[in-house]
Amino acid sequence: YLNVHRYMTAAGIPVPRVYLHIPEEEVLLLEDAGDTTLEDMV
């Protein structure tokens, strides 16, 4: 996730921000983009 996130971010793609990675616990804290998908909007 972090590997691809780096390149998506460099390309200016609107992906969720990464706040904190705790690898020893296999945990990643990310921006909350809400609950509404494009499917929901339709």
PDB file of all heavy atoms in Angstrom:
ATOM      1  N   TYR A   1       0.831  -1.208   0.000  1.00  0.00           N
ATOM      2  CA  TYR A   1       0.000   0.000   0.000  1.00  0.00           C
ATOM      3  C   TYR A   1       0.867   1.260   0.000  1.00  0.00           C
ATOM      4  O   TYR A   1       0.625   2.200  -0.758  1.00  0.00           O
ATOM      5  CB  TYR A   1      -0.918  -0.005   1.222  1.00  0.00           C
ATOM      6  CG  TYR A   1      -1.890   1.163   1.266  1.00  0.00           C
ATOM      7  CD1 TYR A   1      -3.199   1.007   0.821  1.00  0.00           C
ATOM      8  CD2 TYR A   1      -1.505   2.402   1.762  1.00  0.00           C
ATOM      9  CE1 TYR A   1      -4.097   2.075   0.852  1.00  0.00           C
ATOM     10  CE2 TYR A   1      -2.393   3.469   1.810  1.00  0.00           C
ATOM     11  CZ  TYR A   1      -3.679   3.297   1.350  1.00  0.00           C
ATOM     12  OH  TYR A   1      -4.546   4.354   1.382  1.00  0.00           O
ATOM     13  N   LEU A   2       1.875   1.279   0.862  1.00  0.00           N
ATOM     14  CA  LEU A   2       2.727   2.464   0.960  1.00  0.00           C
ATOM     15  C   LEU A   2       3.586   2.633  -0.285  1.00  0.00           C
ATOM     16  O   LEU A   2       3.854   3.761  -0.714  1.00  0.00           O
ATOM     17  CB  LEU A   2       3.615   2.371   2.202  1.00  0.00           C
ATOM     18  CG  LEU A   2       2.895   2.477   3.539  1.00  0.00           C
ATOM     19  CD1 LEU A   2       3.891   2.318   4.687  1.00  0.00           C
ATOM     20  CD2 LEU A   2       2.155   3.809   3.661  1.00  0.00           C
ATOM     21  N   ASN A   3       4.023   1.528  -0.853  1.00  0.00           N
ATOM     22  CA  ASN A   3       4.821   1.615  -2.073  1.00  0.00           C
ATOM     23  C   ASN A   3       4.028   2.273  -3.192  1.00  0.00           C
ATOM     24  O   ASN A   3       4.473   3.243  -3.808  1.00  0.00           O
ATOM     25  CB  ASN A   3       5.269   0.202  -2.484  1.00  0.00           C
ATOM     26  CG  ASN A   3       6.167   0.209  -3.710  1.00  0.00           C
ATOM     27  OD1 ASN A   3       5.690   0.344  -4.834  1.00  0.00           O
ATOM     28  ND2 ASN A   3       7.461   0.051  -3.500  1.00  0.00           N
ATOM     29  N   VAL A   4       2.820   1.770  -3.441  1.00  0.00           N
ATOM     30  CA  VAL A   4       2.005   2.330  -4.522  1.00  0.00           C
ATOM     31  C   VAL A   4       1.535   3.739  -4.167  1.00  0.00           C
ATOM     32  O   VAL A   4       1.478   4.626  -5.030  1.00  0.00           O
ATOM     33  CB  VAL A   4       0.813   1.408  -4.829  1.00  0.00           C
ATOM     34  CG1 VAL A   4      -0.029   1.988  -5.953  1.00  0.00           C
ATOM     35  CG2 VAL A   4       1.296   0.005  -5.197  1.00  0.00           C
ATOM     36  N   HIS A   5       1.225   3.964  -2.893  1.00  0.00           N
ATOM     37  CA  HIS A   5       0.786   5.289  -2.442  1.00  0.00           C
ATOM     38  C   HIS A   5       1.825   6.351  -2.789  1.00  0.00           C
ATOM     39  O   HIS A   5       1.483   7.475  -3.191  1.00  0.00           O
ATOM     40  CB  HIS A   5       0.547   5.260  -0.938  1.00  0.00           C
ATOM     41  CG  HIS A   5      -0.042   6.503  -0.368  1.00  0.00           C
ATOM     42  ND1 HIS A   5       0.720   7.616  -0.047  1.00  0.00           N
ATOM     43  CD2 HIS A   5      -1.331   6.827  -0.042  1.00  0.00           C
ATOM     44  CE1 HIS A   5      -0.059   8.557   0.443  1.00  0.00           C
ATOM     45  NE2 HIS A   5      -1.305   8.105   0.458  1.00  0.00           N
ATOM     46  N   ARG A   6       3.085   6.016  -2.641  1.00  0.00           N
ATOM     47  CA  ARG A   6       4.163   6.979  -2.918  1.00  0.00           C
ATOM     48  C   ARG A   6       4.109   7.462  -4.371  1.00  0.00           C
ATOM     49  O   ARG A   6       4.254   8.656  -4.642  1.00  0.00           O
ATOM     50  CB  ARG A   6       5.510   6.316  -2.617  1.00  0.00           C
ATOM     51  CG  ARG A   6       6.698   7.231  -2.823  1.00  0.00           C
ATOM     52  CD  ARG A   6       7.951   6.678  -2.180  1.00  0.00           C
ATOM     53  NE  ARG A   6       8.401   5.416  -2.766  1.00  0.00           N
ATOM     54  CZ  ARG A   6       8.343   4.242  -2.154  1.00  0.00           C
ATOM     55  NH1 ARG A   6       7.816   4.141  -0.935  1.00  0.00           N
ATOM     56  NH2 ARG A   6       8.798   3.153  -2.740  1.00  0.00           N
ATOM     57  N   TYR A   7       3.893   6.558  -5.285  1.00  0.00           N
ATOM     58  CA  TYR A   7       3.884   6.927  -6.704  1.00  0.00           C
ATOM     59  C   TYR A   7       2.573   7.590  -7.107  1.00  0.00           C
ATOM     60  O   TYR A   7       2.567   8.501  -7.938  1.00  0.00           O
ATOM     61  CB  TYR A   7       4.181   5.687  -7.550  1.00  0.00           C
ATOM     62  CG  TYR A   7       5.541   5.125  -7.231  1.00  0.00           C
ATOM     63  CD1 TYR A   7       5.680   4.032  -6.364  1.00  0.00           C
ATOM     64  CD2 TYR A   7       6.697   5.716  -7.731  1.00  0.00           C
ATOM     65  CE1 TYR A   7       6.923   3.547  -6.026  1.00  0.00           C
ATOM     66  CE2 TYR A   7       7.949   5.231  -7.398  1.00  0.00           C
ATOM     67  CZ  TYR A   7       8.068   4.148  -6.543  1.00  0.00           C
ATOM     68  OH  TYR A   7       9.310   3.674  -6.198  1.00  0.00           O
ATOM     69  N   MET A   8       1.480   7.148  -6.517  1.00  0.00           N
ATOM     70  CA  MET A   8       0.200   7.814  -6.784  1.00  0.00           C
ATOM     71  C   MET A   8       0.250   9.263  -6.288  1.00  0.00           C
ATOM     72  O   MET A   8      -0.214  10.183  -6.966  1.00  0.00           O
ATOM     73  CB  MET A   8      -0.941   7.059  -6.096  1.00  0.00           C
ATOM     74  CG  MET A   8      -1.258   5.707  -6.695  1.00  0.00           C
ATOM     75  SD  MET A   8      -2.056   5.853  -8.317  1.00  0.00           S
ATOM     76  CE  MET A   8      -2.540   4.146  -8.596  1.00  0.00           C
ATOM     77  N   THR A   9       0.829   9.462  -5.112  1.00  0.00           N
ATOM     78  CA  THR A   9       0.944  10.813  -4.564  1.00  0.00           C
ATOM     79  C   THR A   9       1.849  11.676  -5.431  1.00  0.00           C
ATOM     80  O   THR A   9       1.537  12.852  -5.714  1.00  0.00           O
ATOM     81  CB  THR A   9       1.482  10.756  -3.124  1.00  0.00           C
ATOM     82  OG1 THR A   9       0.605   9.964  -2.318  1.00  0.00           O
ATOM     83  CG2 THR A   9       1.586  12.147  -2.519  1.00  0.00           C
ATOM     84  N   ALA A  10       2.958  11.111  -5.868  1.00  0.00           N
ATOM     85  CA  ALA A  10       3.877  11.861  -6.728  1.00  0.00           C
ATOM     86  C   ALA A  10       3.208  12.280  -8.030  1.00  0.00           C
ATOM     87  O   ALA A  10       3.541  13.337  -8.599  1.00  0.00           O
ATOM     88  CB  ALA A  10       5.112  11.019  -7.023  1.00  0.00           C
ATOM     89  N   ALA A  11       2.257  11.476  -8.490  1.00  0.00           N
ATOM     90  CA  ALA A  11       1.543  11.792  -9.731  1.00  0.00           C
ATOM     91  C   ALA A  11       0.363  12.719  -9.507  1.00  0.00           C
ATOM     92  O   ALA A  11      -0.317  13.096 -10.469  1.00  0.00           O
ATOM     93  CB  ALA A  11       1.061  10.497 -10.384  1.00  0.00           C
ATOM     94  N   GLY A  12       0.103  13.083  -8.253  1.00  0.00           N
ATOM     95  CA  GLY A  12      -0.996  13.997  -7.954  1.00  0.00           C
ATOM     96  C   GLY A  12      -2.360  13.338  -7.930  1.00  0.00           C
ATOM     97  O   GLY A  12      -3.377  14.028  -8.048  1.00  0.00           O
ATOM     98  N   ILE A  13      -2.400  12.033  -7.759  1.00  0.00           N
ATOM     99  CA  ILE A  13      -3.680  11.322  -7.700  1.00  0.00           C
ATOM    100  C   ILE A  13      -4.281  11.518  -6.305  1.00  0.00           C
ATOM    101  O   ILE A  13      -3.574  11.392  -5.298  1.00  0.00           O
ATOM    102  CB  ILE A  13      -3.485   9.815  -7.979  1.00  0.00           C
ATOM    103  CG1 ILE A  13      -2.680   9.608  -9.267  1.00  0.00           C
ATOM    104  CG2 ILE A  13      -4.837   9.107  -8.054  1.00  0.00           C
ATOM    105  CD1 ILE A  13      -3.269  10.263 -10.482  1.00  0.00           C
ATOM    106  N   PRO A  14      -5.569  11.824  -6.191  1.00  0.00           N
ATOM    107  CA  PRO A  14      -6.185  12.089  -4.881  1.00  0.00           C
ATOM    108  C   PRO A  14      -6.433  10.807  -4.090  1.00  0.00           C
ATOM    109  O   PRO A  14      -7.541  10.259  -4.078  1.00  0.00           O
ATOM    110  CB  PRO A  14      -7.497  12.791  -5.249  1.00  0.00           C
ATOM    111  CG  PRO A  14      -7.847  12.239  -6.595  1.00  0.00           C
ATOM    112  CD  PRO A  14      -6.530  12.046  -7.302  1.00  0.00           C
ATOM    113  N   VAL A  15      -5.394  10.318  -3.446  1.00  0.00           N
ATOM    114  CA  VAL A  15      -5.509   9.140  -2.588  1.00  0.00           C
ATOM    115  C   VAL A  15      -5.529   9.603  -1.135  1.00  0.00           C
ATOM    116  O   VAL A  15      -5.067  10.703  -0.820  1.00  0.00           O
ATOM    117  CB  VAL A  15      -4.344   8.168  -2.838  1.00  0.00           C
ATOM    118  CG1 VAL A  15      -4.422   7.592  -4.246  1.00  0.00           C
ATOM    119  CG2 VAL A  15      -2.998   8.849  -2.631  1.00  0.00           C
ATOM    120  N   PRO A  16      -6.057   8.793  -0.213  1.00  0.00           N
ATOM    121  CA  PRO A  16      -6.097   9.207   1.206  1.00  0.00           C
ATOM    122  C   PRO A  16      -4.695   9.466   1.749  1.00  0.00           C
ATOM    123  O   PRO A  16      -3.745   8.739   1.447  1.00  0.00           O
ATOM    124  CB  PRO A  16      -6.757   8.009   1.899  1.00  0.00           C
ATOM    125  CG  PRO A  16      -7.548   7.337   0.834  1.00  0.00           C
ATOM    126  CD  PRO A  16      -6.747   7.501  -0.419  1.00  0.00           C
ATOM    127  N   ARG A  17      -4.580  10.488   2.599  1.00  0.00           N
ATOM    128  CA  ARG A  17      -3.299  10.785   3.239  1.00  0.00           C
ATOM    129  C   ARG A  17      -2.948   9.693   4.242  1.00  0.00           C
ATOM    130  O   ARG A  17      -3.820   9.104   4.867  1.00  0.00           O
ATOM    131  CB  ARG A  17      -3.365  12.135   3.948  1.00  0.00           C
ATOM    132  CG  ARG A  17      -3.520  13.314   3.015  1.00  0.00           C
ATOM    133  CD  ARG A  17      -3.393  14.638   3.765  1.00  0.00           C
ATOM    134  NE  ARG A  17      -4.468  14.823   4.727  1.00  0.00           N
ATOM    135  CZ  ARG A  17      -5.662  15.320   4.423  1.00  0.00           C
ATOM    136  NH1 ARG A  17      -5.948  15.654   3.173  1.00  0.00           N
ATOM    137  NH2 ARG A  17      -6.587  15.478   5.354  1.00  0.00           N
ATOM    138  N   VAL A  18      -1.659   9.421   4.379  1.00  0.00           N
ATOM    139  CA  VAL A  18      -1.166   8.474   5.373  1.00  0.00           C
ATOM    140  C   VAL A  18      -0.682   9.262   6.576  1.00  0.00           C
ATOM    141  O   VAL A  18       0.165  10.149   6.453  1.00  0.00           O
ATOM    142  CB  VAL A  18      -0.016   7.619   4.809  1.00  0.00           C
ATOM    143  CG1 VAL A  18       0.587   6.749   5.904  1.00  0.00           C
ATOM    144  CG2 VAL A  18      -0.519   6.752   3.658  1.00  0.00           C
ATOM    145  N   TYR A  19      -1.207   8.963   7.768  1.00  0.00           N
ATOM    146  CA  TYR A  19      -0.833   9.666   8.985  1.00  0.00           C
ATOM    147  C   TYR A  19       0.237   8.927   9.786  1.00  0.00           C
ATOM    148  O   TYR A  19       1.181   9.537  10.281  1.00  0.00           O
ATOM    149  CB  TYR A  19      -2.058   9.880   9.871  1.00  0.00           C
ATOM    150  CG  TYR A  19      -3.069  10.839   9.285  1.00  0.00           C
ATOM    151  CD1 TYR A  19      -4.389  10.447   9.097  1.00  0.00           C
ATOM    152  CD2 TYR A  19      -2.706  12.127   8.915  1.00  0.00           C
ATOM    153  CE1 TYR A  19      -5.323  11.313   8.565  1.00  0.00           C
ATOM    154  CE2 TYR A  19      -3.636  13.005   8.371  1.00  0.00           C
ATOM    155  CZ  TYR A  19      -4.942  12.595   8.201  1.00  0.00           C
ATOM    156  OH  TYR A  19      -5.858  13.461   7.664  1.00  0.00           O
ATOM    157  N   LEU A  20       0.093   7.623   9.906  1.00  0.00           N
ATOM    158  CA  LEU A  20       1.001   6.904  10.786  1.00  0.00           C
ATOM    159  C   LEU A  20       1.052   5.431  10.394  1.00  0.00           C
ATOM    160  O   LEU A  20       0.021   4.818  10.117  1.00  0.00           O
ATOM    161  CB  LEU A  20       0.533   7.023  12.235  1.00  0.00           C
ATOM    162  CG  LEU A  20       1.387   6.361  13.324  1.00  0.00           C
ATOM    163  CD1 LEU A  20       2.784   6.977  13.368  1.00  0.00           C
ATOM    164  CD2 LEU A  20       0.701   6.494  14.687  1.00  0.00           C
ATOM    165  N   HIS A  21       2.266   4.889  10.357  1.00  0.00           N
ATOM    166  CA  HIS A  21       2.447   3.465  10.081  1.00  0.00           C
ATOM    167  C   HIS A  21       3.147   2.830  11.284  1.00  0.00           C
ATOM    168  O   HIS A  21       4.178   3.322  11.738  1.00  0.00           O
ATOM    169  CB  HIS A  21       3.309   3.284   8.816  1.00  0.00           C
ATOM    170  CG  HIS A  21       3.489   1.840   8.426  1.00  0.00           C
ATOM    171  ND1 HIS A  21       4.600   1.384   7.743  1.00  0.00           N
ATOM    172  CD2 HIS A  21       2.693   0.743   8.626  1.00  0.00           C
ATOM    173  CE1 HIS A  21       4.482   0.093   7.534  1.00  0.00           C
ATOM    174  NE2 HIS A  21       3.335  -0.324   8.046  1.00  0.00           N
ATOM    175  N   ILE A  22       2.556   1.769  11.801  1.00  0.00           N
ATOM    176  CA  ILE A  22       3.141   1.033  12.908  1.00  0.00           C
ATOM    177  C   ILE A  22       3.401  -0.384  12.408  1.00  0.00           C
ATOM    178  O   ILE A  22       2.571  -1.288  12.584  1.00  0.00           O
ATOM    179  CB  ILE A  22       2.217   1.021  14.146  1.00  0.00           C
ATOM    180  CG1 ILE A  22       1.734   2.443  14.467  1.00  0.00           C
ATOM    181  CG2 ILE A  22       2.932   0.423  15.351  1.00  0.00           C
ATOM    182  CD1 ILE A  22       0.732   2.503  15.605  1.00  0.00           C
ATOM    183  N   PRO A  23       4.524  -0.613  11.720  1.00  0.00           N
ATOM    184  CA  PRO A  23       4.761  -1.897  11.044  1.00  0.00           C
ATOM    185  C   PRO A  23       4.795  -3.095  11.973  1.00  0.00           C
ATOM    186  O   PRO A  23       4.357  -4.190  11.583  1.00  0.00           O
ATOM    187  CB  PRO A  23       6.109  -1.683  10.349  1.00  0.00           C
ATOM    188  CG  PRO A  23       6.745  -0.536  11.052  1.00  0.00           C
ATOM    189  CD  PRO A  23       5.637   0.329  11.515  1.00  0.00           C
ATOM    190  N   GLU A  24       5.293  -2.917  13.211  1.00  0.00           N
ATOM    191  CA  GLU A  24       5.373  -4.071  14.104  1.00  0.00           C
ATOM    192  C   GLU A  24       3.992  -4.577  14.512  1.00  0.00           C
ATOM    193  O   GLU A  24       3.837  -5.716  14.951  1.00  0.00           O
ATOM    194  CB  GLU A  24       6.199  -3.720  15.352  1.00  0.00           C
ATOM    195  CG  GLU A  24       5.622  -2.604  16.218  1.00  0.00           C
ATOM    196  CD  GLU A  24       6.081  -1.218  15.798  1.00  0.00           C
ATOM    197  OE1 GLU A  24       6.485  -1.070  14.619  1.00  0.00           O
ATOM    198  OE2 GLU A  24       6.047  -0.311  16.648  1.00  0.00           O
ATOM    199  N   GLU A  25       2.979  -3.723  14.380  1.00  0.00           N
ATOM    200  CA  GLU A  25       1.602  -4.126  14.685  1.00  0.00           C
ATOM    201  C   GLU A  25       0.777  -4.332  13.413  1.00  0.00           C
ATOM    202  O   GLU A  25      -0.411  -4.642  13.490  1.00  0.00           O
ATOM    203  CB  GLU A  25       0.926  -3.050  15.555  1.00  0.00           C
ATOM    204  CG  GLU A  25       1.503  -2.928  16.946  1.00  0.00           C
ATOM    205  CD  GLU A  25       1.039  -4.039  17.865  1.00  0.00           C
ATOM    206  OE1 GLU A  25      -0.011  -4.654  17.586  1.00  0.00           O
ATOM    207  OE2 GLU A  25       1.736  -4.302  18.876  1.00  0.00           O
ATOM    208  N   GLU A  26       1.419  -4.124  12.259  1.00  0.00           N
ATOM    209  CA  GLU A  26       0.730  -4.241  10.963  1.00  0.00           C
ATOM    210  C   GLU A  26      -0.503  -3.341  10.931  1.00  0.00           C
ATOM    211  O   GLU A  26      -1.607  -3.760  10.580  1.00  0.00           O
ATOM    212  CB  GLU A  26       0.371  -5.703  10.686  1.00  0.00           C
ATOM    213  CG  GLU A  26       1.610  -6.593  10.586  1.00  0.00           C
ATOM    214  CD  GLU A  26       1.302  -8.075  10.520  1.00  0.00           C
ATOM    215  OE1 GLU A  26       0.152  -8.450  10.850  1.00  0.00           O
ATOM    216  OE2 GLU A  26       2.187  -8.856  10.163  1.00  0.00           O
ATOM    217  N   VAL A  27      -0.280  -2.086  11.294  1.00  0.00           N
ATOM    218  CA  VAL A  27      -1.346  -1.086  11.382  1.00  0.00           C
ATOM    219  C   VAL A  27      -0.956   0.153  10.592  1.00  0.00           C
ATOM    220  O   VAL A  27       0.192   0.607  10.643  1.00  0.00           O
ATOM    221  CB  VAL A  27      -1.623  -0.712  12.857  1.00  0.00           C
ATOM    222  CG1 VAL A  27      -2.400   0.590  12.967  1.00  0.00           C
ATOM    223  CG2 VAL A  27      -2.372  -1.837  13.553  1.00  0.00           C
ATOM    224  N   LEU A  28      -1.933   0.689   9.876  1.00  0.00           N
ATOM    225  CA  LEU A  28      -1.736   1.919   9.105  1.00  0.00           C
ATOM    226  C   LEU A  28      -2.887   2.858   9.411  1.00  0.00           C
ATOM    227  O   LEU A  28      -4.056   2.451   9.362  1.00  0.00           O
ATOM    228  CB  LEU A  28      -1.706   1.585   7.611  1.00  0.00           C
ATOM    229  CG  LEU A  28      -1.185   2.634   6.637  1.00  0.00           C
ATOM    230  CD1 LEU A  28       0.285   2.950   6.904  1.00  0.00           C
ATOM    231  CD2 LEU A  28      -1.354   2.141   5.197  1.00  0.00           C
ATOM    232  N   LEU A  29      -2.591   4.130   9.755  1.00  0.00           N
ATOM    233  CA  LEU A  29      -3.613   5.143  10.014  1.00  0.00           C
ATOM    234  C   LEU A  29      -3.725   6.055   8.793  1.00  0.00           C
ATOM    235  O   LEU A  29      -2.738   6.634   8.343  1.00  0.00           O
ATOM    236  CB  LEU A  29      -3.264   5.964  11.248  1.00  0.00           C
ATOM    237  CG  LEU A  29      -3.758   5.467  12.613  1.00  0.00           C
ATOM    238  CD1 LEU A  29      -5.271   5.546  12.689  1.00  0.00           C
ATOM    239  CD2 LEU A  29      -3.245   4.073  12.917  1.00  0.00           C
ATOM    240  N   LEU A  30      -4.948   6.192   8.296  1.00  0.00           N
ATOM    241  CA  LEU A  30      -5.194   6.905   7.050  1.00  0.00           C
ATOM    242  C   LEU A  30      -6.244   7.993   7.223  1.00  0.00           C
ATOM    243  O   LEU A  30      -7.045   7.973   8.164  1.00  0.00           O
ATOM    244  CB  LEU A  30      -5.692   5.935   5.972  1.00  0.00           C
ATOM    245  CG  LEU A  30      -4.828   4.718   5.656  1.00  0.00           C
ATOM    246  CD1 LEU A  30      -5.616   3.724   4.822  1.00  0.00           C
ATOM    247  CD2 LEU A  30      -3.566   5.154   4.935  1.00  0.00           C
ATOM    248  N   GLU A  31      -6.260   8.904   6.277  1.00  0.00           N
ATOM    249  CA  GLU A  31      -7.316   9.911   6.195  1.00  0.00           C
ATOM    250  C   GLU A  31      -8.673   9.220   6.086  1.00  0.00           C
ATOM    251  O   GLU A  31      -8.830   8.239   5.357  1.00  0.00           O
ATOM    252  CB  GLU A  31      -7.089  10.783   4.962  1.00  0.00           C
ATOM    253  CG  GLU A  31      -8.207  11.761   4.657  1.00  0.00           C
ATOM    254  CD  GLU A  31      -8.041  12.451   3.323  1.00  0.00           C
ATOM    255  OE1 GLU A  31      -7.118  12.088   2.567  1.00  0.00           O
ATOM    256  OE2 GLU A  31      -8.839  13.365   3.033  1.00  0.00           O
ATOM    257  N   ASP A  32      -9.651   9.725   6.794  1.00  0.00           N
ATOM    258  CA  ASP A  32     -11.016   9.220   6.717  1.00  0.00           C
ATOM    259  C   ASP A  32     -11.717   9.922   5.555  1.00  0.00           C
ATOM    260  O   ASP A  32     -12.014  11.116   5.619  1.00  0.00           O
ATOM    261  CB  ASP A  32     -11.756   9.495   8.033  1.00  0.00           C
ATOM    262  CG  ASP A  32     -13.123   8.833   8.075  1.00  0.00           C
ATOM    263  OD1 ASP A  32     -13.589   8.331   7.031  1.00  0.00           O
ATOM    264  OD2 ASP A  32     -13.740   8.835   9.159  1.00  0.00           O
ATOM    265  N   ALA A  33     -11.970   9.177   4.506  1.00  0.00           N
ATOM    266  CA  ALA A  33     -12.619   9.748   3.320  1.00  0.00           C
ATOM    267  C   ALA A  33     -14.138   9.622   3.379  1.00  0.00           C
ATOM    268  O   ALA A  33     -14.833   9.856   2.383  1.00  0.00           O
ATOM    269  CB  ALA A  33     -12.091   9.070   2.061  1.00  0.00           C
ATOM    270  N   GLY A  34     -14.668   9.267   4.543  1.00  0.00           N
ATOM    271  CA  GLY A  34     -16.116   9.197   4.701  1.00  0.00           C
ATOM    272  C   GLY A  34     -16.688   7.862   4.269  1.00  0.00           C
ATOM    273  O   GLY A  34     -15.967   6.885   4.049  1.00  0.00           O
ATOM    274  N   ASP A  35     -18.000   7.824   4.139  1.00  0.00           N
ATOM    275  CA  ASP A  35     -18.715   6.589   3.839  1.00  0.00           C
ATOM    276  C   ASP A  35     -19.380   6.580   2.471  1.00  0.00           C
ATOM    277  O   ASP A  35     -20.009   5.594   2.097  1.00  0.00           O
ATOM    278  CB  ASP A  35     -19.814   6.356   4.890  1.00  0.00           C
ATOM    279  CG  ASP A  35     -19.260   6.202   6.291  1.00  0.00           C
ATOM    280  OD1 ASP A  35     -18.134   5.692   6.414  1.00  0.00           O
ATOM    281  OD2 ASP A  35     -19.948   6.604   7.246  1.00  0.00           O
ATOM    282  N   THR A  36     -19.297   7.673   1.748  1.00  0.00           N
ATOM    283  CA  THR A  36     -20.064   7.803   0.509  1.00  0.00           C
ATOM    284  C   THR A  36     -19.216   7.434  -0.698  1.00  0.00           C
ATOM    285  O   THR A  36     -18.251   8.128  -1.028  1.00  0.00           O
ATOM    286  CB  THR A  36     -20.596   9.230   0.333  1.00  0.00           C
ATOM    287  OG1 THR A  36     -21.374   9.596   1.480  1.00  0.00           O
ATOM    288  CG2 THR A  36     -21.459   9.334  -0.915  1.00  0.00           C
ATOM    289  N   THR A  37     -19.561   6.332  -1.333  1.00  0.00           N
ATOM    290  CA  THR A  37     -18.890   5.942  -2.565  1.00  0.00           C
ATOM    291  C   THR A  37     -19.624   6.560  -3.756  1.00  0.00           C
ATOM    292  O   THR A  37     -20.759   7.052  -3.634  1.00  0.00           O
ATOM    293  CB  THR A  37     -18.888   4.421  -2.733  1.00  0.00           C
ATOM    294  OG1 THR A  37     -20.245   3.981  -2.911  1.00  0.00           O
ATOM    295  CG2 THR A  37     -18.279   3.722  -1.519  1.00  0.00           C
ATOM    296  N   LEU A  38     -18.977   6.483  -4.901  1.00  0.00           N
ATOM    297  CA  LEU A  38     -19.647   6.939  -6.118  1.00  0.00           C
ATOM    298  C   LEU A  38     -20.882   6.094  -6.393  1.00  0.00           C
ATOM    299  O   LEU A  38     -21.905   6.604  -6.878  1.00  0.00           O
ATOM    300  CB  LEU A  38     -18.667   6.882  -7.295  1.00  0.00           C
ATOM    301  CG  LEU A  38     -19.183   7.338  -8.658  1.00  0.00           C
ATOM    302  CD1 LEU A  38     -19.836   8.703  -8.595  1.00  0.00           C
ATOM    303  CD2 LEU A  38     -18.045   7.331  -9.676  1.00  0.00           C
ATOM    304  N   GLU A  39     -20.826   4.824  -6.054  1.00  0.00           N
ATOM    305  CA  GLU A  39     -22.005   3.967  -6.175  1.00  0.00           C
ATOM    306  C   GLU A  39     -23.162   4.535  -5.350  1.00  0.00           C
ATOM    307  O   GLU A  39     -24.311   4.594  -5.811  1.00  0.00           O
ATOM    308  CB  GLU A  39     -21.668   2.555  -5.715  1.00  0.00           C
ATOM    309  CG  GLU A  39     -22.854   1.599  -5.767  1.00  0.00           C
ATOM    310  CD  GLU A  39     -22.582   0.283  -5.068  1.00  0.00           C
ATOM    311  OE1 GLU A  39     -21.624   0.193  -4.276  1.00  0.00           O
ATOM    312  OE2 GLU A  39     -23.363  -0.667  -5.301  1.00  0.00           O
ATOM    313  N   ASP A  40     -22.866   4.967  -4.127  1.00  0.00           N
ATOM    314  CA  ASP A  40     -23.898   5.561  -3.272  1.00  0.00           C
ATOM    315  C   ASP A  40     -24.509   6.799  -3.909  1.00  0.00           C
ATOM    316  O   ASP A  40     -25.727   7.015  -3.855  1.00  0.00           O
ATOM    317  CB  ASP A  40     -23.311   5.955  -1.919  1.00  0.00           C
ATOM    318  CG  ASP A  40     -22.893   4.763  -1.088  1.00  0.00           C
ATOM    319  OD1 ASP A  40     -23.553   3.721  -1.184  1.00  0.00           O
ATOM    320  OD2 ASP A  40     -21.908   4.887  -0.346  1.00  0.00           O
ATOM    321  N   MET A  41     -23.645   7.633  -4.475  1.00  0.00           N
ATOM    322  CA  MET A  41     -24.129   8.867  -5.094  1.00  0.00           C
ATOM    323  C   MET A  41     -25.120   8.569  -6.211  1.00  0.00           C
ATOM    324  O   MET A  41     -26.144   9.247  -6.349  1.00  0.00           O
ATOM    325  CB  MET A  41     -22.948   9.675  -5.632  1.00  0.00           C
ATOM    326  CG  MET A  41     -22.062  10.284  -4.566  1.00  0.00           C
ATOM    327  SD  MET A  41     -22.862  11.680  -3.703  1.00  0.00           S
ATOM    328  CE  MET A  41     -22.830  12.937  -4.986  1.00  0.00           C
ATOM    329  N   VAL A  42     -24.816   7.557  -6.999  1.00  0.00           N
ATOM    330  CA  VAL A  42     -25.729   7.190  -8.086  1.00  0.00           C
ATOM    331  C   VAL A  42     -27.041   6.677  -7.520  1.00  0.00           C
ATOM    332  O   VAL A  42     -28.132   7.040  -7.987  1.00  0.00           O
ATOM    333  CB  VAL A  42     -25.082   6.132  -9.001  1.00  0.00           C
ATOM    334  CG1 VAL A  42     -26.086   5.646 -10.045  1.00  0.00           C
ATOM    335  CG2 VAL A  42     -23.841   6.700  -9.689  1.00  0.00           C
TER     336      VAL A  42
END
